[in-house]
């Protein structure tokens, strides 16, 4: 059930063309939100950028484009613990709250990798 619900939500996300998502450097310069400052204001501490857990690259920049692909990130906590399991509180699995926490760690690891690769999250 969960997988079907998640797939339905993903299908509803808007599809953006490359042309509609490219912004000029001028647009970035005039933004009033600075990502790293906002992260700090929210009291979020980024973990160290994770290393690949196998033989692959976790980032790939497309030459001559403003595109960076990120892959292979896991829900690893700051102390190095890997969160594992499936959402299934009735069957002894993770609760929804624990699933949210795992997703948060995965997202923070992705942001840490972006910062490590780009140097500045506002790029």
Foldseek 3Di string as FASTA:
>chain_A
DVVVVVVVVVVPDDDDDLVRPDDDPVVLVPDPDFVVVVCVVVVHDFAAQDDAPDPDDQWDDDPPGPDIHGDRFFQADNVGDGDDFDDDVPVVTDDVVVVVSRVVSRVSNRVNVVCVVVVGPSD
